Amino acid sequence: MASTIFHHWLDQYRALPEARQRRIRIGLRVLGVAVVFLLGVAFGRGIGFPNGLQAQARKLAAQNTTLQGQVQGLQQQQQTDLTALAALKTSLAGRDSELQKLKQEQAFYSKLIGIDSGRSGLGVHSIELAPVAGTDAWNFVATLVNTAENADAARGTLTLAVEGVRGGKLVTLAWPALAGAGAANGVSYAFKFFQQVRGSFMLPRGFVPNRVAVTLHPERGAEITRKLDWNEMLAGQRGISVPLP
């Protein structure tokens, strides 16, 4: 029965003009596409995200975004902590170095106080001389101490004068002649407990030194001069004590 009906429709279709057959074929194709589309939509709904799974997927995506933001924030915080830790370590290393320096200075000052225990006030613990190789210049280091109890900071200048022989005559070279016009006022000092004062001077050729006159010019009180043997100055074995008024 179905076969007979199909053949009957097929005979009628073949009897139609060619243009009408073409329109029918186009219509059938469009109808087929529409049917396939509708079936796809219906099928997609059937296999989609039933029972709120789509909403749950959106929620999980939002949570994932939040967690990613938290991870990024923690990474930035960790970097900040690492930077702060490195700065702290650097600061501690600097403090340790400063502490070691203070300990060395304390030990040095304690040694000076022990040596100069019989003196009181501003003093020169020692003066050392050293030649500058290949020249007639000399470097000196004067270690100054202030052993007065509850003393204020000591301030002033230090100058040298050298006595010796030149051309068979006794000659005294004052500080301006030794150090030049630019340093005529002497070497400044300013300290509470102790200080090493450094300077240089030049001896003329043919001059044979015998003694050195060391003069302290404190801001408070009169200047005081002591004369030391040149060879003892080279050994750094002598010092002078200048009490403050």
Protein backbone atom coordinates (compact mmCIF):
# COMPACT_ATOMS: atom_id res chain seq x y z
CA MET A 1 0.00 0.00 0.00
CA ALA A 2 2.73 2.47 0.98
CA SER A 3 4.77 1.42 -2.06
CA THR A 4 1.82 2.02 -4.38
CA ILE A 5 1.24 5.51 -2.96
CA PHE A 6 4.94 6.35 -3.26
CA HIS A 7 5.07 5.25 -6.90
CA HIS A 8 1.89 7.21 -7.63
CA TRP A 9 3.46 10.41 -6.19
CA LEU A 10 6.68 9.69 -8.06
CA ASP A 11 4.79 9.36 -11.39
CA GLN A 12 2.97 12.64 -10.72
CA TYR A 13 6.29 14.36 -9.87
CA ARG A 14 7.87 13.13 -13.10
CA ALA A 15 4.90 14.41 -15.07
CA LEU A 16 5.43 17.96 -13.76
CA PRO A 17 7.38 20.55 -15.78
CA GLU A 18 11.09 20.77 -15.14
CA ALA A 19 10.90 24.22 -13.51
CA ARG A 20 8.28 23.07 -11.04
CA GLN A 21 10.31 19.96 -10.23
CA ARG A 22 13.30 22.24 -9.43
CA ARG A 23 11.23 24.38 -7.05
CA ILE A 24 9.96 21.25 -5.29
CA ARG A 25 13.50 19.93 -4.88
CA ILE A 26 14.65 23.27 -3.41
CA GLY A 27 11.70 23.29 -1.03
CA LEU A 28 12.42 19.77 0.10
CA ARG A 29 16.06 20.68 0.78
CA VAL A 30 15.05 23.73 2.83
CA LEU A 31 12.55 21.61 4.72
CA GLY A 32 15.24 19.01 5.41
CA VAL A 33 17.65 21.62 6.75
CA ALA A 34 14.94 23.04 9.02
CA VAL A 35 14.10 19.59 10.34
CA VAL A 36 17.77 18.85 11.04
CA PHE A 37 18.17 22.21 12.83
CA LEU A 38 15.11 21.61 14.99
CA LEU A 39 16.27 18.13 15.83
CA GLY A 40 19.73 19.51 16.79
CA VAL A 41 18.23 22.11 19.08
CA ALA A 42 16.01 19.57 20.73
CA PHE A 43 18.90 17.13 21.09
CA GLY A 44 21.21 19.84 22.50
CA ARG A 45 18.71 20.73 25.15
CA GLY A 46 18.38 17.11 26.02
CA ILE A 47 22.13 16.56 26.53
CA GLY A 48 23.01 20.09 27.80
CA PHE A 49 23.44 20.95 31.51
CA PRO A 50 20.37 19.56 33.24
CA ASN A 51 19.56 20.03 36.92
CA GLY A 52 21.48 23.38 37.28
CA LEU A 53 24.85 22.06 36.08
CA GLN A 54 25.31 25.13 33.87
CA ALA A 55 24.81 27.46 36.85
CA GLN A 56 27.22 25.35 38.87
CA ALA A 57 29.80 25.60 36.08
CA ARG A 58 29.50 29.41 36.09
CA LYS A 59 29.93 29.41 39.89
CA LEU A 60 33.05 27.25 39.67
CA ALA A 61 34.50 29.52 37.00
CA ALA A 62 33.94 32.56 39.24
CA GLN A 63 35.57 30.77 42.19
CA ASN A 64 38.53 29.85 39.99
CA THR A 65 38.97 33.51 39.02
CA THR A 66 38.87 34.51 42.70
CA LEU A 67 41.44 31.88 43.63
CA GLN A 68 43.74 33.01 40.84
CA GLY A 69 43.55 36.55 42.21
CA GLN A 70 44.36 35.32 45.70
CA VAL A 71 47.36 33.34 44.42
CA GLN A 72 48.66 36.41 42.61
CA GLY A 73 48.24 38.48 45.77
CA LEU A 74 50.10 35.88 47.84
CA GLN A 75 52.94 35.81 45.31
CA GLN A 76 53.25 39.59 45.48
CA GLN A 77 53.20 39.47 49.29
CA GLN A 78 55.90 36.79 49.26
CA GLN A 79 58.08 38.96 47.01
CA THR A 80 57.57 41.91 49.34
CA ASP A 81 58.50 39.77 52.35
CA LEU A 82 61.64 38.53 50.61
CA THR A 83 62.67 42.10 49.78
CA ALA A 84 62.07 43.21 53.36
CA LEU A 85 64.04 40.22 54.68
CA ALA A 86 67.00 41.03 52.42
CA ALA A 87 66.95 44.67 53.59
CA LEU A 88 66.82 43.50 57.22
CA LYS A 89 69.80 41.19 56.71
CA THR A 90 71.77 44.04 55.12
CA SER A 91 70.88 46.33 58.04
CA LEU A 92 71.90 43.68 60.58
CA ALA A 93 75.21 43.14 58.80
CA GLY A 94 75.85 46.89 58.95
CA ARG A 95 74.99 46.98 62.64
CA ASP A 96 77.32 44.04 63.32
CA SER A 97 80.13 45.82 61.51
CA GLU A 98 79.47 48.99 63.47
CA LEU A 99 79.38 47.05 66.73
CA GLN A 100 82.71 45.39 65.97
CA LYS A 101 84.21 48.78 65.22
CA LEU A 102 82.91 50.20 68.50
CA LYS A 103 84.33 47.22 70.39
CA GLN A 104 87.72 47.76 68.78
CA GLU A 105 87.63 51.46 69.64
CA GLN A 106 86.61 50.66 73.22
CA ALA A 107 89.49 48.20 73.58
CA PHE A 108 91.90 50.72 72.10
CA TYR A 109 90.70 53.49 74.40
CA SER A 110 90.87 51.19 77.44
CA LYS A 111 94.48 50.44 76.52
CA LEU A 112 95.25 54.15 76.22
CA ILE A 113 93.65 54.87 79.59
CA GLY A 114 95.72 52.11 81.16
CA ILE A 115 98.95 53.51 79.72
CA ASP A 116 98.10 57.12 80.63
CA SER A 117 96.59 56.32 84.01
CA GLY A 118 98.93 58.77 85.72
CA ARG A 119 97.82 61.66 83.49
CA SER A 120 94.66 63.68 83.44
CA GLY A 121 93.27 65.91 80.73
CA LEU A 122 94.04 66.37 77.06
CA GLY A 123 97.16 64.55 75.98
CA VAL A 124 99.20 63.15 73.13
CA HIS A 125 99.56 59.45 73.72
CA SER A 126 102.04 58.90 70.90
CA ILE A 127 103.38 60.34 67.67
CA GLU A 128 104.76 58.17 64.91
CA LEU A 129 106.76 59.28 61.87
CA ALA A 130 107.16 57.47 58.56
CA PRO A 131 109.09 58.64 55.48
CA VAL A 132 107.41 58.87 52.08
CA ALA A 133 109.47 56.71 49.77
CA GLY A 134 111.45 58.54 47.12
CA THR A 135 110.77 62.02 48.55
CA ASP A 136 111.79 64.30 51.41
CA ALA A 137 108.27 64.19 52.83
CA TRP A 138 107.17 62.59 56.07
CA ASN A 139 103.82 61.37 57.34
CA PHE A 140 102.92 61.50 61.00
CA VAL A 141 100.16 60.01 63.13
CA ALA A 142 99.42 61.61 66.49
CA THR A 143 97.14 59.71 68.86
CA LEU A 144 95.34 62.20 71.10
CA VAL A 145 93.45 61.24 74.25
CA ASN A 146 91.23 63.04 76.71
CA THR A 147 91.35 61.32 80.09
CA ALA A 148 89.70 64.06 82.15
CA GLU A 149 86.59 62.84 83.94
CA ASN A 150 83.35 64.32 82.55
CA ALA A 151 85.40 66.40 80.14
CA ASP A 152 83.84 68.28 77.26
CA ALA A 153 84.88 67.57 73.69
CA ALA A 154 88.43 68.71 73.03
CA ARG A 155 88.92 71.03 70.05
CA GLY A 156 91.92 72.77 68.62
CA THR A 157 94.91 72.32 66.31
CA LEU A 158 98.23 70.52 66.37
CA THR A 159 101.47 71.83 64.84
CA LEU A 160 105.03 70.55 64.61
CA ALA A 161 108.39 72.30 64.47
CA VAL A 162 111.62 70.46 63.68
CA GLU A 163 115.03 71.42 65.09
CA GLY A 164 118.16 70.28 63.29
CA VAL A 165 121.34 71.17 61.46
CA ARG A 166 121.74 72.57 57.95
CA GLY A 167 125.02 73.84 56.54
CA GLY A 168 126.71 73.42 59.91
CA LYS A 169 124.18 75.65 61.68
CA LEU A 170 121.30 74.97 64.07
CA VAL A 171 117.99 75.64 62.37
CA THR A 172 114.37 75.42 63.54
CA LEU A 173 111.76 74.86 60.84
CA ALA A 174 108.34 76.11 61.95
CA TRP A 175 105.08 74.49 60.85
CA PRO A 176 104.34 76.87 57.92
CA ALA A 177 107.79 76.10 56.48
CA LEU A 178 107.18 72.37 56.92
CA ALA A 179 103.58 72.08 55.71
CA GLY A 180 103.29 75.06 53.35
CA ALA A 181 101.11 78.14 53.45
CA GLY A 182 97.93 76.14 52.74
CA ALA A 183 98.18 74.31 56.10
CA ALA A 184 99.75 77.08 58.17
CA ASN A 185 97.04 76.87 60.86
CA GLY A 186 97.90 73.28 61.77
CA VAL A 187 95.96 70.02 61.82
CA SER A 188 92.53 70.26 63.44
CA TYR A 189 91.27 67.89 66.10
CA ALA A 190 87.86 67.49 67.72
CA PHE A 191 87.01 64.49 69.88
CA LYS A 192 85.47 63.32 73.12
CA PHE A 193 87.74 60.47 74.17
CA PHE A 194 90.48 59.88 71.59
CA GLN A 195 91.41 60.62 68.00
CA GLN A 196 94.21 59.83 65.61
CA VAL A 197 95.35 62.97 63.80
CA ARG A 198 97.25 62.52 60.55
CA GLY A 199 99.37 64.96 58.60
CA SER A 200 102.40 65.42 56.39
CA PHE A 201 105.35 67.78 56.12
CA MET A 202 108.44 68.28 53.95
CA LEU A 203 112.07 68.60 55.09
CA PRO A 204 114.53 70.54 52.91
CA ARG A 205 117.42 68.61 51.45
CA GLY A 206 120.59 68.73 53.46
CA PHE A 207 118.65 69.23 56.69
CA VAL A 208 119.44 66.76 59.51
CA PRO A 209 116.63 66.62 62.13
CA ASN A 210 117.37 66.23 65.83
CA ARG A 211 114.21 67.05 67.75
CA VAL A 212 110.55 67.72 67.13
CA ALA A 213 108.53 70.31 69.01
CA VAL A 214 104.88 69.20 69.27
CA THR A 215 102.43 71.96 70.12
CA LEU A 216 98.75 71.60 70.96
CA HIS A 217 96.61 74.70 70.52
CA PRO A 218 93.40 73.98 72.44
CA GLU A 219 90.46 76.31 72.12
CA ARG A 220 90.41 76.51 75.92
CA GLY A 221 93.62 77.41 77.67
CA ALA A 222 97.11 78.32 76.55
CA GLU A 223 99.10 76.33 74.03
CA ILE A 224 101.71 73.95 75.43
CA THR A 225 104.80 72.70 73.66
CA ARG A 226 106.92 69.63 74.35
CA LYS A 227 110.08 68.64 72.54
CA LEU A 228 110.76 65.03 71.60
CA ASP A 229 113.79 63.26 70.22
CA TRP A 230 113.54 62.55 66.48
CA ASN A 231 114.55 58.90 66.82
CA GLU A 232 112.00 58.36 69.56
CA MET A 233 109.37 59.90 67.31
CA LEU A 234 110.28 57.37 64.63
CA ALA A 235 109.70 54.57 67.12
CA GLY A 236 106.48 56.15 68.41
CA GLN A 237 107.58 55.61 72.00
CA ARG A 238 107.05 59.03 73.49
CA GLY A 239 104.00 61.13 74.27
CA ILE A 240 103.14 64.38 75.99
CA SER A 241 100.32 65.30 78.31
CA VAL A 242 98.64 68.69 78.12
CA PRO A 243 96.28 69.28 81.07
CA LEU A 244 93.32 71.57 80.48
CA PRO A 245 92.74 74.47 82.92
